[in-house]
C-alpha atoms as a PDB file:
ATOM      1  CA  MET A   1     -12.724  11.349   2.223  1.00  0.00           C
ATOM      2  CA  LYS A   2      -8.946  11.409   2.169  1.00  0.00           C
ATOM      3  CA  LEU A   3      -7.637  10.531   5.676  1.00  0.00           C
ATOM      4  CA  LEU A   4      -3.961  10.682   6.594  1.00  0.00           C
ATOM      5  CA  ARG A   5      -1.447  10.765   9.411  1.00  0.00           C
ATOM      6  CA  TYR A   6       1.176  13.484   9.515  1.00  0.00           C
ATOM      7  CA  GLY A   7       4.188  14.363  11.644  1.00  0.00           C
ATOM      8  CA  SER A   8       7.503  12.790  12.558  1.00  0.00           C
ATOM      9  CA  ALA A   9       7.891   9.048  12.571  1.00  0.00           C
ATOM     10  CA  GLY A  10       6.324   7.514  15.601  1.00  0.00           C
ATOM     11  CA  ALA A  11       4.549  10.744  16.596  1.00  0.00           C
ATOM     12  CA  GLU A  12       2.036  11.065  13.742  1.00  0.00           C
ATOM     13  CA  LYS A  13      -1.378  12.786  14.279  1.00  0.00           C
ATOM     14  CA  PRO A  14      -4.614  11.993  12.389  1.00  0.00           C
ATOM     15  CA  GLY A  15      -5.666  14.304   9.661  1.00  0.00           C
ATOM     16  CA  LEU A  16      -8.075  14.932   6.887  1.00  0.00           C
ATOM     17  CA  LEU A  17      -7.305  16.427   3.409  1.00  0.00           C
ATOM     18  CA  ASP A  18      -9.969  18.995   2.629  1.00  0.00           C
ATOM     19  CA  ALA A  19     -11.309  19.817  -0.815  1.00  0.00           C
ATOM     20  CA  GLY A  20      -8.731  22.658  -1.236  1.00  0.00           C
ATOM     21  CA  GLY A  21      -5.777  20.427  -0.471  1.00  0.00           C
ATOM     22  CA  THR A  22      -5.235  21.668   3.079  1.00  0.00           C
ATOM     23  CA  ILE A  23      -4.528  19.191   5.862  1.00  0.00           C
ATOM     24  CA  ARG A  24      -6.909  19.470   8.798  1.00  0.00           C
ATOM     25  CA  ASP A  25      -5.974  18.190  12.194  1.00  0.00           C
ATOM     26  CA  LEU A  26      -8.277  15.490  13.502  1.00  0.00           C
ATOM     27  CA  SER A  27      -6.501  14.832  16.820  1.00  0.00           C
ATOM     28  CA  GLY A  28      -9.200  16.701  18.765  1.00  0.00           C
ATOM     29  CA  VAL A  29     -11.805  14.290  17.326  1.00  0.00           C
ATOM     30  CA  ILE A  30     -10.021  10.916  17.340  1.00  0.00           C
ATOM     31  CA  PRO A  31      -6.792   9.713  18.910  1.00  0.00           C
ATOM     32  CA  ASP A  32      -5.567   8.082  15.667  1.00  0.00           C
ATOM     33  CA  LEU A  33      -6.714   6.492  12.476  1.00  0.00           C
ATOM     34  CA  ALA A  34      -6.952   3.056  13.989  1.00  0.00           C
ATOM     35  CA  GLY A  35      -9.428   0.659  15.539  1.00  0.00           C
ATOM     36  CA  ALA A  36     -13.002   2.018  15.826  1.00  0.00           C
ATOM     37  CA  ALA A  37     -12.160   5.165  13.841  1.00  0.00           C
ATOM     38  CA  LEU A  38     -11.990   2.993  10.709  1.00  0.00           C
ATOM     39  CA  SER A  39     -15.409   1.370  11.253  1.00  0.00           C
ATOM     40  CA  PRO A  40     -18.492   2.511   9.348  1.00  0.00           C
ATOM     41  CA  ALA A  41     -19.637   4.452  12.440  1.00  0.00           C
ATOM     42  CA  GLY A  42     -16.195   5.961  12.991  1.00  0.00           C
ATOM     43  CA  LEU A  43     -15.878   7.123   9.383  1.00  0.00           C
ATOM     44  CA  ALA A  44     -19.432   8.487   9.443  1.00  0.00           C
ATOM     45  CA  LYS A  45     -18.549  10.548  12.457  1.00  0.00           C
ATOM     46  CA  ILE A  46     -15.564  12.024  10.628  1.00  0.00           C
ATOM     47  CA  ALA A  47     -17.532  12.591   7.405  1.00  0.00           C
ATOM     48  CA  ALA A  48     -20.173  14.563   9.322  1.00  0.00           C
ATOM     49  CA  LEU A  49     -17.606  17.196  10.370  1.00  0.00           C
ATOM     50  CA  ASP A  50     -17.240  20.530   8.703  1.00  0.00           C
ATOM     51  CA  PRO A  51     -13.616  20.508   7.701  1.00  0.00           C
ATOM     52  CA  THR A  52     -13.377  24.283   8.053  1.00  0.00           C
ATOM     53  CA  THR A  53     -13.957  23.971  11.791  1.00  0.00           C
ATOM     54  CA  LEU A  54     -10.843  21.782  12.128  1.00  0.00           C
ATOM     55  CA  PRO A  55      -7.391  23.352  12.672  1.00  0.00           C
ATOM     56  CA  ALA A  56      -5.414  23.792   9.469  1.00  0.00           C
ATOM     57  CA  VAL A  57      -1.904  22.304   9.417  1.00  0.00           C
ATOM     58  CA  ALA A  58       0.715  24.702   8.158  1.00  0.00           C
ATOM     59  CA  GLY A  59       3.357  23.835   5.647  1.00  0.00           C
ATOM     60  CA  LYS A  60       4.008  20.446   4.155  1.00  0.00           C
ATOM     61  CA  PRO A  61       4.537  18.016   6.972  1.00  0.00           C
ATOM     62  CA  ARG A  62       5.897  14.553   6.590  1.00  0.00           C
ATOM     63  CA  LEU A  63       3.159  11.967   5.922  1.00  0.00           C
ATOM     64  CA  GLY A  64       3.214   8.622   7.677  1.00  0.00           C
ATOM     65  CA  SER A  65       1.192   5.516   6.848  1.00  0.00           C
ATOM     66  CA  PRO A  66      -2.466   6.590   6.730  1.00  0.00           C
ATOM     67  CA  VAL A  67      -3.449   3.987   9.371  1.00  0.00           C
ATOM     68  CA  SER A  68      -1.885   2.569  12.480  1.00  0.00           C
ATOM     69  CA  GLY A  69      -2.475  -0.231  14.944  1.00  0.00           C
ATOM     70  CA  MET A  70      -2.526  -2.975  12.255  1.00  0.00           C
ATOM     71  CA  THR A  71      -1.887  -6.602  13.077  1.00  0.00           C
ATOM     72  CA  ASN A  72      -1.060  -7.774   9.607  1.00  0.00           C
ATOM     73  CA  LEU A  73       0.551  -6.489   6.350  1.00  0.00           C
ATOM     74  CA  VAL A  74      -0.689  -9.067   3.884  1.00  0.00           C
ATOM     75  CA  CYS A  75       0.562  -9.349   0.346  1.00  0.00           C
ATOM     76  CA  ILE A  76      -0.695 -11.164  -2.739  1.00  0.00           C
ATOM     77  CA  GLY A  77       1.811 -12.533  -5.311  1.00  0.00           C
ATOM     78  CA  LEU A  78       1.504 -12.749  -9.067  1.00  0.00           C
ATOM     79  CA  ASN A  79      -1.979 -11.352  -9.064  1.00  0.00           C
ATOM     80  CA  TYR A  80      -1.894  -9.688 -12.474  1.00  0.00           C
ATOM     81  CA  VAL A  81      -2.080 -11.852 -15.607  1.00  0.00           C
ATOM     82  CA  ASP A  82       0.477  -9.774 -17.510  1.00  0.00           C
ATOM     83  CA  HIS A  83       2.874  -9.668 -14.526  1.00  0.00           C
ATOM     84  CA  ALA A  84       2.729 -13.435 -14.064  1.00  0.00           C
ATOM     85  CA  LYS A  85       3.579 -13.835 -17.792  1.00  0.00           C
ATOM     86  CA  GLU A  86       6.501 -11.368 -17.761  1.00  0.00           C
ATOM     87  CA  THR A  87       8.085 -13.298 -14.828  1.00  0.00           C
ATOM     88  CA  GLY A  88       7.590 -16.688 -16.581  1.00  0.00           C
ATOM     89  CA  ASN A  89       5.182 -18.032 -13.932  1.00  0.00           C
ATOM     90  CA  PRO A  90       1.891 -19.849 -14.481  1.00  0.00           C
ATOM     91  CA  ILE A  91      -1.359 -18.076 -13.695  1.00  0.00           C
ATOM     92  CA  PRO A  92      -2.168 -18.895 -10.034  1.00  0.00           C
ATOM     93  CA  LYS A  93      -5.214 -20.993  -9.445  1.00  0.00           C
ATOM     94  CA  GLU A  94      -5.626 -19.536  -5.939  1.00  0.00           C
ATOM     95  CA  PRO A  95      -4.234 -16.353  -4.392  1.00  0.00           C
ATOM     96  CA  ILE A  96      -0.567 -16.538  -3.330  1.00  0.00           C
ATOM     97  CA  VAL A  97      -0.533 -15.117   0.171  1.00  0.00           C
ATOM     98  CA  PHE A  98       2.544 -13.976   2.136  1.00  0.00           C
ATOM     99  CA  LEU A  99       3.249 -11.351   4.807  1.00  0.00           C
ATOM    100  CA  LYS A 100       5.445  -8.330   5.134  1.00  0.00           C
ATOM    101  CA  SER A 101       7.088  -7.529   8.428  1.00  0.00           C
ATOM    102  CA  LEU A 102       5.359  -4.694  10.272  1.00  0.00           C
ATOM    103  CA  GLY A 103       8.807  -3.141  10.366  1.00  0.00           C
ATOM    104  CA  ALA A 104       8.595  -2.601   6.607  1.00  0.00           C
ATOM    105  CA  LEU A 105       5.734  -0.092   6.969  1.00  0.00           C
ATOM    106  CA  CYS A 106       6.720   3.534   6.325  1.00  0.00           C
ATOM    107  CA  GLY A 107       5.343   6.773   4.960  1.00  0.00           C
ATOM    108  CA  PRO A 108       4.681   7.309   1.310  1.00  0.00           C
ATOM    109  CA  ASN A 109       7.589   9.678   0.751  1.00  0.00           C
ATOM    110  CA  ASP A 110      10.099   8.231   3.199  1.00  0.00           C
ATOM    111  CA  ASP A 111      13.515   7.123   2.025  1.00  0.00           C
ATOM    112  CA  ILE A 112      13.821   3.449   1.071  1.00  0.00           C
ATOM    113  CA  MET A 113      16.905   1.753   2.350  1.00  0.00           C
ATOM    114  CA  ILE A 114      18.646  -0.733   0.069  1.00  0.00           C
ATOM    115  CA  PRO A 115      19.583  -3.779   2.248  1.00  0.00           C
ATOM    116  CA  LYS A 116      23.225  -4.514   2.944  1.00  0.00           C
ATOM    117  CA  ASN A 117      24.960  -5.966  -0.032  1.00  0.00           C
ATOM    118  CA  SER A 118      21.720  -5.983  -2.103  1.00  0.00           C
ATOM    119  CA  VAL A 119      22.031  -5.789  -5.876  1.00  0.00           C
ATOM    120  CA  LYS A 120      18.459  -6.780  -6.734  1.00  0.00           C
ATOM    121  CA  THR A 121      16.111  -4.366  -5.057  1.00  0.00           C
ATOM    122  CA  ASP A 122      12.952  -3.842  -7.155  1.00  0.00           C
ATOM    123  CA  TRP A 123       9.723  -1.800  -7.264  1.00  0.00           C
ATOM    124  CA  GLU A 124       6.023  -2.804  -7.303  1.00  0.00           C
ATOM    125  CA  VAL A 125       3.169  -0.311  -7.415  1.00  0.00           C
ATOM    126  CA  GLU A 126       0.127  -1.816  -5.787  1.00  0.00           C
ATOM    127  CA  LEU A 127      -3.452  -1.066  -4.732  1.00  0.00           C
ATOM    128  CA  CYS A 128      -3.774  -1.506  -0.990  1.00  0.00           C
ATOM    129  CA  ILE A 129      -6.991  -2.507   0.741  1.00  0.00           C
ATOM    130  CA  ILE A 130      -7.425  -1.029   4.224  1.00  0.00           C
ATOM    131  CA  ILE A 131      -9.537  -3.121   6.537  1.00  0.00           C
ATOM    132  CA  GLY A 132     -12.089  -1.226   8.698  1.00  0.00           C
ATOM    133  CA  THR A 133     -13.698  -3.921  10.806  1.00  0.00           C
ATOM    134  CA  ARG A 134     -12.670  -7.443  11.919  1.00  0.00           C
ATOM    135  CA  ALA A 135     -13.167  -9.999   9.218  1.00  0.00           C
ATOM    136  CA  LYS A 136     -13.009 -13.784   9.739  1.00  0.00           C
ATOM    137  CA  CYS A 137     -14.263 -16.295   7.230  1.00  0.00           C
ATOM    138  CA  VAL A 138     -16.418 -13.692   5.408  1.00  0.00           C
ATOM    139  CA  SER A 139     -18.040 -14.339   2.058  1.00  0.00           C
ATOM    140  CA  GLU A 140     -17.257 -12.409  -1.079  1.00  0.00           C
ATOM    141  CA  ALA A 141     -20.712 -10.793  -0.751  1.00  0.00           C
ATOM    142  CA  GLN A 142     -19.764  -9.541   2.748  1.00  0.00           C
ATOM    143  CA  ALA A 143     -16.191  -8.558   1.949  1.00  0.00           C
ATOM    144  CA  LEU A 144     -16.586  -4.933   1.150  1.00  0.00           C
ATOM    145  CA  ASP A 145     -18.468  -4.395   4.364  1.00  0.00           C
ATOM    146  CA  HIS A 146     -15.164  -4.856   6.075  1.00  0.00           C
ATOM    147  CA  VAL A 147     -13.205  -2.472   3.934  1.00  0.00           C
ATOM    148  CA  ALA A 148     -12.513   1.122   5.087  1.00  0.00           C
ATOM    149  CA  GLY A 149     -10.899   2.249   1.878  1.00  0.00           C
ATOM    150  CA  TYR A 150      -7.851   2.033  -0.419  1.00  0.00           C
ATOM    151  CA  ALA A 151      -4.364   3.453  -0.710  1.00  0.00           C
ATOM    152  CA  VAL A 152      -1.312   3.362  -2.877  1.00  0.00           C
ATOM    153  CA  GLY A 153       1.396   0.855  -1.813  1.00  0.00           C
ATOM    154  CA  ASN A 154       4.885  -0.013  -3.014  1.00  0.00           C
ATOM    155  CA  ASP A 155       5.751  -3.625  -2.349  1.00  0.00           C
ATOM    156  CA  VAL A 156       9.516  -3.016  -2.483  1.00  0.00           C
ATOM    157  CA  SER A 157      11.247  -6.370  -3.038  1.00  0.00           C
ATOM    158  CA  GLU A 158      14.801  -7.766  -2.852  1.00  0.00           C
ATOM    159  CA  ARG A 159      14.698 -10.449  -5.569  1.00  0.00           C
ATOM    160  CA  GLU A 160      17.809 -12.374  -4.476  1.00  0.00           C
ATOM    161  CA  TRP A 161      16.380 -12.940  -1.011  1.00  0.00           C
ATOM    162  CA  GLN A 162      12.944 -13.588  -2.472  1.00  0.00           C
ATOM    163  CA  MET A 163      13.874 -16.064  -5.248  1.00  0.00           C
ATOM    164  CA  GLU A 164      17.389 -17.383  -4.657  1.00  0.00           C
ATOM    165  CA  LYS A 165      17.530 -18.031  -0.848  1.00  0.00           C
ATOM    166  CA  GLY A 166      15.031 -20.787  -0.356  1.00  0.00           C
ATOM    167  CA  MET A 167      11.965 -19.426  -2.104  1.00  0.00           C
ATOM    168  CA  THR A 168      10.550 -17.872   1.094  1.00  0.00           C
ATOM    169  CA  TRP A 169       9.055 -14.677  -0.301  1.00  0.00           C
ATOM    170  CA  ASP A 170       8.722 -13.023   3.093  1.00  0.00           C
ATOM    171  CA  LYS A 171      12.465 -12.703   3.332  1.00  0.00           C
ATOM    172  CA  GLY A 172      12.745 -10.534   0.229  1.00  0.00           C
ATOM    173  CA  LYS A 173       9.751  -8.416   1.079  1.00  0.00           C
ATOM    174  CA  GLY A 174      10.087  -7.549   4.727  1.00  0.00           C
ATOM    175  CA  PHE A 175      13.205  -5.387   4.993  1.00  0.00           C
ATOM    176  CA  ASP A 176      12.885  -2.076   6.849  1.00  0.00           C
ATOM    177  CA  THR A 177      11.164   0.609   4.747  1.00  0.00           C
ATOM    178  CA  PHE A 178       9.942  -1.948   2.135  1.00  0.00           C
ATOM    179  CA  GLY A 179       6.266  -1.150   2.689  1.00  0.00           C
ATOM    180  CA  PRO A 180       5.390   2.535   2.037  1.00  0.00           C
ATOM    181  CA  VAL A 181       1.640   3.167   2.151  1.00  0.00           C
ATOM    182  CA  GLY A 182      -0.238   6.373   1.326  1.00  0.00           C
ATOM    183  CA  PRO A 183      -0.265   9.333   0.936  1.00  0.00           C
ATOM    184  CA  TRP A 184      -3.811   8.878   2.356  1.00  0.00           C
ATOM    185  CA  LEU A 185      -6.601   6.424   2.810  1.00  0.00           C
ATOM    186  CA  VAL A 186      -9.399   7.124   0.332  1.00  0.00           C
ATOM    187  CA  THR A 187     -12.669   5.890   1.689  1.00  0.00           C
ATOM    188  CA  LYS A 188     -14.431   3.243  -0.386  1.00  0.00           C
ATOM    189  CA  ASP A 189     -17.375   5.554  -1.263  1.00  0.00           C
ATOM    190  CA  GLU A 190     -14.978   7.559  -3.353  1.00  0.00           C
ATOM    191  CA  VAL A 191     -13.700   4.426  -5.202  1.00  0.00           C
ATOM    192  CA  PRO A 192     -16.828   2.927  -6.803  1.00  0.00           C
ATOM    193  CA  ASP A 193     -14.862   0.451  -8.937  1.00  0.00           C
ATOM    194  CA  PRO A 194     -11.463  -0.628  -7.483  1.00  0.00           C
ATOM    195  CA  GLN A 195     -11.132  -3.035 -10.420  1.00  0.00           C
ATOM    196  CA  ASN A 196     -10.640  -0.250 -13.003  1.00  0.00           C
ATOM    197  CA  LEU A 197      -7.849   2.071 -11.736  1.00  0.00           C
ATOM    198  CA  THR A 198      -4.838   3.104 -13.817  1.00  0.00           C
ATOM    199  CA  MET A 199      -1.509   2.833 -11.988  1.00  0.00           C
ATOM    200  CA  PHE A 200       2.140   3.702 -12.759  1.00  0.00           C
ATOM    201  CA  CYS A 201       5.642   3.608 -11.459  1.00  0.00           C
ATOM    202  CA  ASP A 202       8.624   5.725 -12.725  1.00  0.00           C
ATOM    203  CA  VAL A 203      12.238   5.393 -11.790  1.00  0.00           C
ATOM    204  CA  ASP A 204      14.368   8.563 -12.383  1.00  0.00           C
ATOM    205  CA  GLY A 205      11.602   9.800 -14.642  1.00  0.00           C
ATOM    206  CA  LYS A 206      11.416   6.695 -16.820  1.00  0.00           C
ATOM    207  CA  ARG A 207       8.027   5.014 -16.902  1.00  0.00           C
ATOM    208  CA  TYR A 208       8.379   1.271 -16.134  1.00  0.00           C
ATOM    209  CA  GLN A 209       4.959   0.283 -14.930  1.00  0.00           C
ATOM    210  CA  ASP A 210       1.752   1.431 -16.653  1.00  0.00           C
ATOM    211  CA  GLY A 211      -1.095  -0.859 -15.698  1.00  0.00           C
ATOM    212  CA  ASN A 212      -4.668  -1.134 -14.576  1.00  0.00           C
ATOM    213  CA  THR A 213      -6.354  -3.014 -11.738  1.00  0.00           C
ATOM    214  CA  LYS A 214      -8.696  -4.585 -14.316  1.00  0.00           C
ATOM    215  CA  THR A 215      -5.998  -7.169 -15.082  1.00  0.00           C
ATOM    216  CA  MET A 216      -6.054  -8.537 -11.537  1.00  0.00           C
ATOM    217  CA  ILE A 217      -6.581 -12.321 -11.432  1.00  0.00           C
ATOM    218  CA  PHE A 218      -8.326 -12.134  -8.089  1.00  0.00           C
ATOM    219  CA  GLY A 219     -10.261  -8.933  -7.304  1.00  0.00           C
ATOM    220  CA  VAL A 220     -10.743  -7.024  -4.045  1.00  0.00           C
ATOM    221  CA  LYS A 221     -13.835  -8.980  -2.854  1.00  0.00           C
ATOM    222  CA  THR A 222     -12.168 -12.345  -3.554  1.00  0.00           C
ATOM    223  CA  LEU A 223      -9.003 -11.301  -1.754  1.00  0.00           C
ATOM    224  CA  VAL A 224     -10.652 -10.040   1.365  1.00  0.00           C
ATOM    225  CA  SER A 225     -12.810 -13.144   1.636  1.00  0.00           C
ATOM    226  CA  TYR A 226      -9.927 -15.538   0.841  1.00  0.00           C
ATOM    227  CA  VAL A 227      -7.431 -13.957   3.226  1.00  0.00           C
ATOM    228  CA  SER A 228     -10.106 -13.790   5.960  1.00  0.00           C
ATOM    229  CA  HIS A 229     -10.276 -17.578   5.825  1.00  0.00           C
ATOM    230  CA  CYS A 230      -6.482 -17.837   6.405  1.00  0.00           C
ATOM    231  CA  ILE A 231      -5.896 -14.926   8.751  1.00  0.00           C
ATOM    232  CA  THR A 232      -8.314 -12.939  10.928  1.00  0.00           C
ATOM    233  CA  LEU A 233      -8.203  -9.410   9.618  1.00  0.00           C
ATOM    234  CA  HIS A 234      -8.374  -6.498  12.021  1.00  0.00           C
ATOM    235  CA  PRO A 235      -9.010  -2.740  11.639  1.00  0.00           C
ATOM    236  CA  GLY A 236      -5.968  -1.090  10.058  1.00  0.00           C
ATOM    237  CA  ASP A 237      -4.666  -4.265   8.442  1.00  0.00           C
ATOM    238  CA  VAL A 238      -3.405  -3.745   4.882  1.00  0.00           C
ATOM    239  CA  ILE A 239      -3.600  -6.096   1.964  1.00  0.00           C
ATOM    240  CA  PHE A 240      -1.181  -5.335  -0.899  1.00  0.00           C
ATOM    241  CA  THR A 241      -3.000  -6.773  -3.912  1.00  0.00           C
ATOM    242  CA  GLY A 242      -0.272  -7.427  -6.432  1.00  0.00           C
ATOM    243  CA  THR A 243       1.480  -5.438  -9.182  1.00  0.00           C
ATOM    244  CA  PRO A 244       1.031  -4.971 -12.958  1.00  0.00           C
ATOM    245  CA  PRO A 245       3.936  -5.682 -15.335  1.00  0.00           C
ATOM    246  CA  GLY A 246       7.011  -3.598 -15.654  1.00  0.00           C
ATOM    247  CA  VAL A 247       8.984  -4.592 -12.567  1.00  0.00           C
ATOM    248  CA  GLY A 248      12.732  -4.557 -12.789  1.00  0.00           C
ATOM    249  CA  VAL A 249      13.232  -8.289 -12.594  1.00  0.00           C
ATOM    250  CA  GLY A 250      11.028  -8.802 -15.644  1.00  0.00           C
ATOM    251  CA  ILE A 251      12.749  -6.423 -17.987  1.00  0.00           C
ATOM    252  CA  LYS A 252      14.306  -8.051 -21.067  1.00  0.00           C
ATOM    253  CA  PRO A 253      17.036  -8.706 -22.122  1.00  0.00           C
ATOM    254  CA  MET A 254      18.601  -7.537 -18.834  1.00  0.00           C
ATOM    255  CA  PRO A 255      16.784  -6.925 -15.537  1.00  0.00           C
ATOM    256  CA  VAL A 256      17.056  -3.444 -13.959  1.00  0.00           C
ATOM    257  CA  PHE A 257      17.417  -2.968 -10.215  1.00  0.00           C
ATOM    258  CA  LEU A 258      17.435   0.049  -7.913  1.00  0.00           C
ATOM    259  CA  LYS A 259      20.506   1.950  -6.829  1.00  0.00           C
ATOM    260  CA  ALA A 260      21.217   4.476  -4.054  1.00  0.00           C
ATOM    261  CA  GLY A 261      20.410   7.988  -5.219  1.00  0.00           C
ATOM    262  CA  GLN A 262      17.587   6.950  -7.575  1.00  0.00           C
ATOM    263  CA  THR A 263      13.994   8.245  -7.138  1.00  0.00           C
ATOM    264  CA  MET A 264      10.815   6.273  -7.503  1.00  0.00           C
ATOM    265  CA  ARG A 265       7.497   8.009  -8.275  1.00  0.00           C
ATOM    266  CA  LEU A 266       4.341   5.942  -8.323  1.00  0.00           C
ATOM    267  CA  GLY A 267       0.604   6.431  -8.112  1.00  0.00           C
ATOM    268  CA  ILE A 268      -2.931   5.143  -8.716  1.00  0.00           C
ATOM    269  CA  GLN A 269      -5.870   6.916 -10.205  1.00  0.00           C
ATOM    270  CA  GLY A 270      -7.751   8.897  -7.492  1.00  0.00           C
ATOM    271  CA  LEU A 271      -5.552   7.583  -4.704  1.00  0.00           C
ATOM    272  CA  GLY A 272      -2.537   9.944  -4.958  1.00  0.00           C
ATOM    273  CA  GLU A 273       1.174   9.519  -5.504  1.00  0.00           C
ATOM    274  CA  GLN A 274       4.318   8.561  -3.654  1.00  0.00           C
ATOM    275  CA  VAL A 275       7.900   9.752  -4.180  1.00  0.00           C
ATOM    276  CA  GLN A 276      10.858   7.870  -2.578  1.00  0.00           C
ATOM    277  CA  LYS A 277      14.561   8.284  -2.710  1.00  0.00           C
ATOM    278  CA  MET A 278      16.725   5.195  -2.537  1.00  0.00           C
ATOM    279  CA  ILE A 279      19.495   5.325   0.077  1.00  0.00           C
ATOM    280  CA  ALA A 280      22.322   2.897   0.888  1.00  0.00           C
ATOM    281  CA  TYR A 281      22.299   0.686   3.966  1.00  0.00           C
ATOM    282  CA  ALA A 282      23.552   2.808   6.865  1.00  0.00           C
ATOM    283  CA  GLY A 283      24.469   0.129   9.362  1.00  0.00           C
END
């Protein structure tokens, strides 16, 4: 299934994308795509519905994050062999874990605001894991039992704040709008092998990232298990799993960074695409 949330920011309704590409309203079935709705029983209830019996949503409404009610936006750094090499960093021996502010979360096609005085805002297409049930100190063998599905994410990053202001990554990752997720949550039954998905990111039509999740250092099972030993994971929590090579900071001989007016387009095989316009700080 492809599950989503649509409507104006802060007033999204739950929905389902049917086989014909029509959004179907789920608000008469569940209050939101959060909590128990993301559990195996909750997803089974939705899967048992006949989509044609659900109200069709007219037009092309704004899409929000496909889940709500999360406690944590977790990120994994330098989790692709080729990305670690392009940035000149050693291959991590254990996952590098950091957090994005919940304020960074936004819809897949929302505008991305460049922070005040930023000159090093960068892109990172990433596979996102969506947690479906509470996970604490789970084994790798149990890990997928706690996963509801997957989504596209963009771990937008301000490299000066990330790398040159004390090496606290959270600072460069948590600005408002720096965490678009979606367009939808694809349930795990439709993603039999999350470790073999092609992914890309274009800026103004130029392809910068062209990778595959098979070059991850730590795979989905390992990450869910590892993070659950650090942080209790709750339904709706999102884990950004790292990015393949081709980020702006790694471009030789001169890094490339985002400017107001540019457009990013990114996607992952079977999970959909995002399109975002860069806008200047409006404060």
